[in-house]
Amino acid sequence: MLKELLAAWRGRDALADMFADFDHMLEETHWMFQRAVEVFFSRVDWHPLQDPLYERDKKVNKGERRVRARIVKHLTVQPGTDVAACLVLMSVVKDAERIGDYCKNIFEVGKFYTHEFTTPRYIEPLERLRVEIEDLFTRTRKAFGTSDVETAREVLTAFSSFSKECDGLIQDLLQRRDDIPTDEGVAYSLLARHMKRIGAHLSNIATAVVAPVHRLDYVDEAGPGSMS
């Protein structure tokens, strides 16, 4: 079982730093997401947050490169050992890096959109989706950090519903009969889309706990009961 592989690998001193680096990447991207949404809804001024947010994105990118370099070194020194777990970590650090990119995208939409949001019909579901993403961050870190299969499956189930909500909101915006400004509708659509992609990458990370290696990154194509 991949759960046992991860648990055994994580407990070894020579490799524990890689897992710590990965968890720190998730922590940094969670912070980025929180700040980006605050900027999106004009709850805070974007100017003082731009440099700290971009610096964290750079740290996440460096974290990905550092983990991958350590994996290559490990497999070079000990060829044939821990291969499955190495492949898993190679995959999930890329997910974390992509989450950082989408958080940066949300920040930039908030930075460039300078008008007021005026449509509760879309603001309220987007706020609910934001809360759901916050929960996915928390549960994904727990699932991966402790090889918690039950929590990982909860993440996959939650994302299945979350994804449909995002799609429904985007479809409603595209077919809308509301008399809302085009730029406002575009901003809502982009936020929904970017949050869906963040949720997808968090779910990909959760699959590492419950799925065989060849099923990683297929969370968009299979439901939570299809991980085999």
Protein backbone atom coordinates (compact mmCIF):
# COMPACT_ATOMS: atom_id res chain seq x y z
CA MET A 1 0.00 0.00 0.00
CA LEU A 2 1.22 3.48 -0.85
CA LYS A 3 0.16 4.62 2.62
CA GLU A 4 2.71 2.27 4.20
CA LEU A 5 5.39 3.28 1.70
CA LEU A 6 4.93 6.94 2.54
CA ALA A 7 4.85 6.31 6.27
CA ALA A 8 8.06 4.28 6.18
CA TRP A 9 9.83 6.76 3.91
CA ARG A 10 8.76 9.79 5.93
CA GLY A 11 10.20 8.32 9.11
CA ARG A 12 13.75 8.11 7.80
CA ASP A 13 15.99 11.01 8.78
CA ALA A 14 17.73 11.25 5.41
CA LEU A 15 14.45 11.99 3.63
CA ALA A 16 12.33 13.70 6.28
CA ASP A 17 13.47 17.15 5.13
CA MET A 18 11.81 16.61 1.75
CA PHE A 19 8.44 16.07 3.38
CA ALA A 20 8.99 19.11 5.57
CA ASP A 21 9.79 21.18 2.47
CA PHE A 22 6.64 19.98 0.76
CA ASP A 23 4.45 20.75 3.76
CA HIS A 24 5.98 24.22 3.90
CA MET A 25 5.07 24.71 0.23
CA LEU A 26 1.44 23.95 1.08
CA GLU A 27 1.59 26.33 4.03
CA GLU A 28 2.95 29.13 1.81
CA THR A 29 0.33 28.59 -0.91
CA HIS A 30 -2.46 28.59 1.68
CA TRP A 31 -1.27 32.01 2.84
CA MET A 32 -1.10 33.17 -0.77
CA PHE A 33 -4.67 32.01 -1.40
CA GLN A 34 -6.00 33.85 1.66
CA ARG A 35 -4.30 37.11 0.71
CA ALA A 36 -5.21 36.81 -2.99
CA VAL A 37 -8.92 36.45 -2.25
CA GLU A 38 -8.80 39.42 0.13
CA VAL A 39 -7.32 41.49 -2.69
CA PHE A 40 -9.84 40.10 -5.19
CA PHE A 41 -12.78 41.34 -3.12
CA SER A 42 -10.99 44.64 -2.33
CA ARG A 43 -10.92 43.86 1.39
CA VAL A 44 -7.28 44.94 1.51
CA ASP A 45 -5.07 47.14 -0.66
CA TRP A 46 -3.02 45.09 -3.12
CA HIS A 47 0.06 47.34 -3.04
CA PRO A 48 1.62 46.19 0.26
CA LEU A 49 0.83 42.54 -0.48
CA GLN A 50 2.27 42.25 -3.98
CA ASP A 51 5.95 41.83 -3.01
CA PRO A 52 5.30 39.41 -0.09
CA LEU A 53 2.97 37.30 -2.23
CA TYR A 54 5.40 37.14 -5.15
CA GLU A 55 8.26 36.33 -2.76
CA ARG A 56 6.29 33.40 -1.39
CA ASP A 57 5.61 32.21 -4.92
CA LYS A 58 9.36 32.25 -5.56
CA LYS A 59 9.93 30.27 -2.35
CA VAL A 60 7.42 27.67 -3.51
CA ASN A 61 9.17 27.39 -6.87
CA LYS A 62 12.54 27.01 -5.14
CA GLY A 63 11.02 24.42 -2.83
CA GLU A 64 9.92 22.34 -5.80
CA ARG A 65 13.39 22.49 -7.36
CA ARG A 66 15.06 21.66 -4.04
CA VAL A 67 12.88 18.61 -3.41
CA ARG A 68 13.40 17.31 -6.94
CA ALA A 69 17.16 17.78 -6.69
CA ARG A 70 17.21 15.86 -3.42
CA ILE A 71 15.17 13.05 -4.97
CA VAL A 72 17.61 12.76 -7.88
CA LYS A 73 20.54 12.69 -5.45
CA HIS A 74 18.82 10.08 -3.30
CA LEU A 75 18.08 7.80 -6.24
CA THR A 76 21.62 8.26 -7.55
CA VAL A 77 23.17 7.28 -4.23
CA GLN A 78 20.67 4.49 -3.56
CA PRO A 79 19.38 3.39 -6.98
CA GLY A 80 16.25 1.29 -6.96
CA THR A 81 15.20 2.26 -3.44
CA ASP A 82 12.03 4.16 -2.54
CA VAL A 83 11.16 4.60 -6.22
CA ALA A 84 7.37 4.66 -5.74
CA ALA A 85 7.55 7.22 -2.95
CA CYS A 86 10.01 9.31 -4.99
CA LEU A 87 7.56 9.37 -7.90
CA VAL A 88 4.78 10.43 -5.56
CA LEU A 89 6.79 13.31 -4.13
CA MET A 90 7.91 14.39 -7.60
CA SER A 91 4.23 14.63 -8.57
CA VAL A 92 2.85 16.42 -5.52
CA VAL A 93 5.51 19.13 -5.41
CA LYS A 94 4.44 20.07 -8.93
CA ASP A 95 0.84 20.31 -7.70
CA ALA A 96 1.94 22.65 -4.92
CA GLU A 97 3.86 24.81 -7.40
CA ARG A 98 0.82 25.07 -9.67
CA ILE A 99 -1.37 26.08 -6.71
CA GLY A 100 0.98 28.99 -6.14
CA ASP A 101 0.55 30.06 -9.77
CA TYR A 102 -3.25 30.04 -9.50
CA CYS A 103 -3.12 32.04 -6.26
CA LYS A 104 -0.99 34.60 -8.07
CA ASN A 105 -3.57 34.65 -10.90
CA ILE A 106 -6.37 35.41 -8.41
CA PHE A 107 -4.29 38.21 -6.91
CA GLU A 108 -3.72 39.72 -10.36
CA VAL A 109 -7.42 39.65 -11.23
CA GLY A 110 -8.10 41.56 -8.01
CA LYS A 111 -5.31 43.98 -8.81
CA PHE A 112 -6.55 44.72 -12.33
CA TYR A 113 -10.28 44.81 -11.57
CA THR A 114 -10.84 48.28 -10.13
CA HIS A 115 -14.63 48.44 -9.83
CA GLU A 116 -16.99 47.35 -7.08
CA PHE A 117 -18.61 43.91 -7.02
CA THR A 118 -22.35 44.43 -6.95
CA THR A 119 -24.09 41.08 -7.51
CA PRO A 120 -24.85 38.98 -4.38
CA ARG A 121 -26.09 36.17 -6.65
CA TYR A 122 -22.43 35.49 -7.52
CA ILE A 123 -20.58 36.99 -4.55
CA GLU A 124 -22.30 34.68 -2.04
CA PRO A 125 -21.54 31.35 -3.79
CA LEU A 126 -17.96 32.49 -4.48
CA GLU A 127 -17.53 33.24 -0.80
CA ARG A 128 -18.88 29.80 0.05
CA LEU A 129 -16.45 28.24 -2.42
CA ARG A 130 -13.60 30.18 -0.82
CA VAL A 131 -14.47 28.65 2.56
CA GLU A 132 -14.52 25.20 0.97
CA ILE A 133 -11.04 25.72 -0.50
CA GLU A 134 -9.76 26.76 2.92
CA ASP A 135 -11.08 23.46 4.27
CA LEU A 136 -9.47 21.52 1.42
CA PHE A 137 -6.10 23.07 2.22
CA THR A 138 -6.39 22.04 5.87
CA ARG A 139 -7.59 18.51 5.21
CA THR A 140 -5.13 17.86 2.39
CA ARG A 141 -2.17 18.82 4.59
CA LYS A 142 -3.50 16.55 7.32
CA ALA A 143 -4.14 13.64 4.94
CA PHE A 144 -0.71 13.75 3.34
CA GLY A 145 1.17 14.61 6.50
CA THR A 146 -0.20 11.64 8.45
CA SER A 147 -1.05 9.21 5.62
CA ASP A 148 -4.69 9.54 6.70
CA VAL A 149 -6.71 7.56 4.14
CA GLU A 150 -10.10 8.58 5.54
CA THR A 151 -9.29 12.29 5.37
CA ALA A 152 -7.84 11.89 1.87
CA ARG A 153 -11.08 10.27 0.68
CA GLU A 154 -13.02 13.13 2.28
CA VAL A 155 -10.94 15.57 0.23
CA LEU A 156 -11.72 13.69 -2.99
CA THR A 157 -15.44 13.53 -2.21
CA ALA A 158 -15.54 17.22 -1.27
CA PHE A 159 -13.73 18.21 -4.46
CA SER A 160 -16.18 16.26 -6.61
CA SER A 161 -19.02 18.42 -5.28
CA PHE A 162 -16.90 21.58 -5.26
CA SER A 163 -15.94 21.12 -8.92
CA LYS A 164 -19.58 20.86 -9.96
CA GLU A 165 -20.42 24.03 -8.03
CA CYS A 166 -17.67 25.93 -9.83
CA ASP A 167 -18.82 24.64 -13.23
CA GLY A 168 -22.42 25.54 -12.45
CA LEU A 169 -21.50 29.08 -11.49
CA ILE A 170 -19.40 29.57 -14.62
CA GLN A 171 -22.19 28.17 -16.80
CA ASP A 172 -24.68 30.51 -15.15
CA LEU A 173 -22.41 33.47 -15.82
CA LEU A 174 -21.98 32.53 -19.48
CA GLN A 175 -25.73 32.14 -19.92
CA ARG A 176 -26.65 34.96 -17.58
CA ARG A 177 -29.62 37.17 -18.17
CA ASP A 178 -28.54 39.52 -15.41
CA ASP A 179 -27.66 43.01 -16.45
CA ILE A 180 -24.17 43.01 -14.91
CA PRO A 181 -21.07 44.62 -16.43
CA THR A 182 -18.98 42.32 -18.61
CA ASP A 183 -15.78 42.95 -16.65
CA GLU A 184 -17.53 42.00 -13.41
CA GLY A 185 -18.79 38.76 -14.96
CA VAL A 186 -15.30 37.97 -16.28
CA ALA A 187 -13.79 38.51 -12.82
CA TYR A 188 -16.33 36.17 -11.21
CA SER A 189 -15.67 33.51 -13.86
CA LEU A 190 -11.90 33.73 -13.43
CA LEU A 191 -12.14 33.38 -9.66
CA ALA A 192 -14.38 30.33 -9.97
CA ARG A 193 -12.07 28.76 -12.54
CA HIS A 194 -8.89 29.43 -10.58
CA MET A 195 -10.41 28.08 -7.37
CA LYS A 196 -11.50 24.95 -9.21
CA ARG A 197 -7.93 24.39 -10.41
CA ILE A 198 -6.54 24.92 -6.90
CA GLY A 199 -9.05 22.37 -5.61
CA ALA A 200 -8.02 19.93 -8.34
CA HIS A 201 -4.35 20.16 -7.40
CA LEU A 202 -5.15 19.70 -3.70
CA SER A 203 -7.16 16.64 -4.65
CA ASN A 204 -4.27 15.31 -6.73
CA ILE A 205 -2.13 15.54 -3.60
CA ALA A 206 -4.78 13.63 -1.64
CA THR A 207 -4.76 10.85 -4.24
CA ALA A 208 -1.17 10.10 -3.22
CA VAL A 209 -2.54 8.68 0.02
CA VAL A 210 -5.21 6.44 -1.48
CA ALA A 211 -4.21 5.67 -5.07
CA PRO A 212 -1.47 3.71 -6.84
CA VAL A 213 1.22 5.81 -8.50
CA HIS A 214 -0.19 5.43 -12.02
CA ARG A 215 -3.48 7.03 -10.89
CA LEU A 216 -1.93 10.30 -9.68
CA ASP A 217 -3.07 13.46 -11.51
CA TYR A 218 -6.30 11.84 -12.74
CA VAL A 219 -8.60 13.37 -10.16
CA ASP A 220 -10.44 15.37 -12.85
CA GLU A 221 -11.28 12.24 -14.81
CA ALA A 222 -12.39 9.85 -12.10
CA GLY A 223 -14.63 10.08 -9.09
CA PRO A 224 -13.38 9.30 -5.57
CA GLY A 225 -14.54 5.72 -5.89
CA SER A 226 -12.55 5.10 -9.06
CA MET A 227 -9.01 5.22 -7.66
CA SER A 228 -7.79 1.79 -8.72
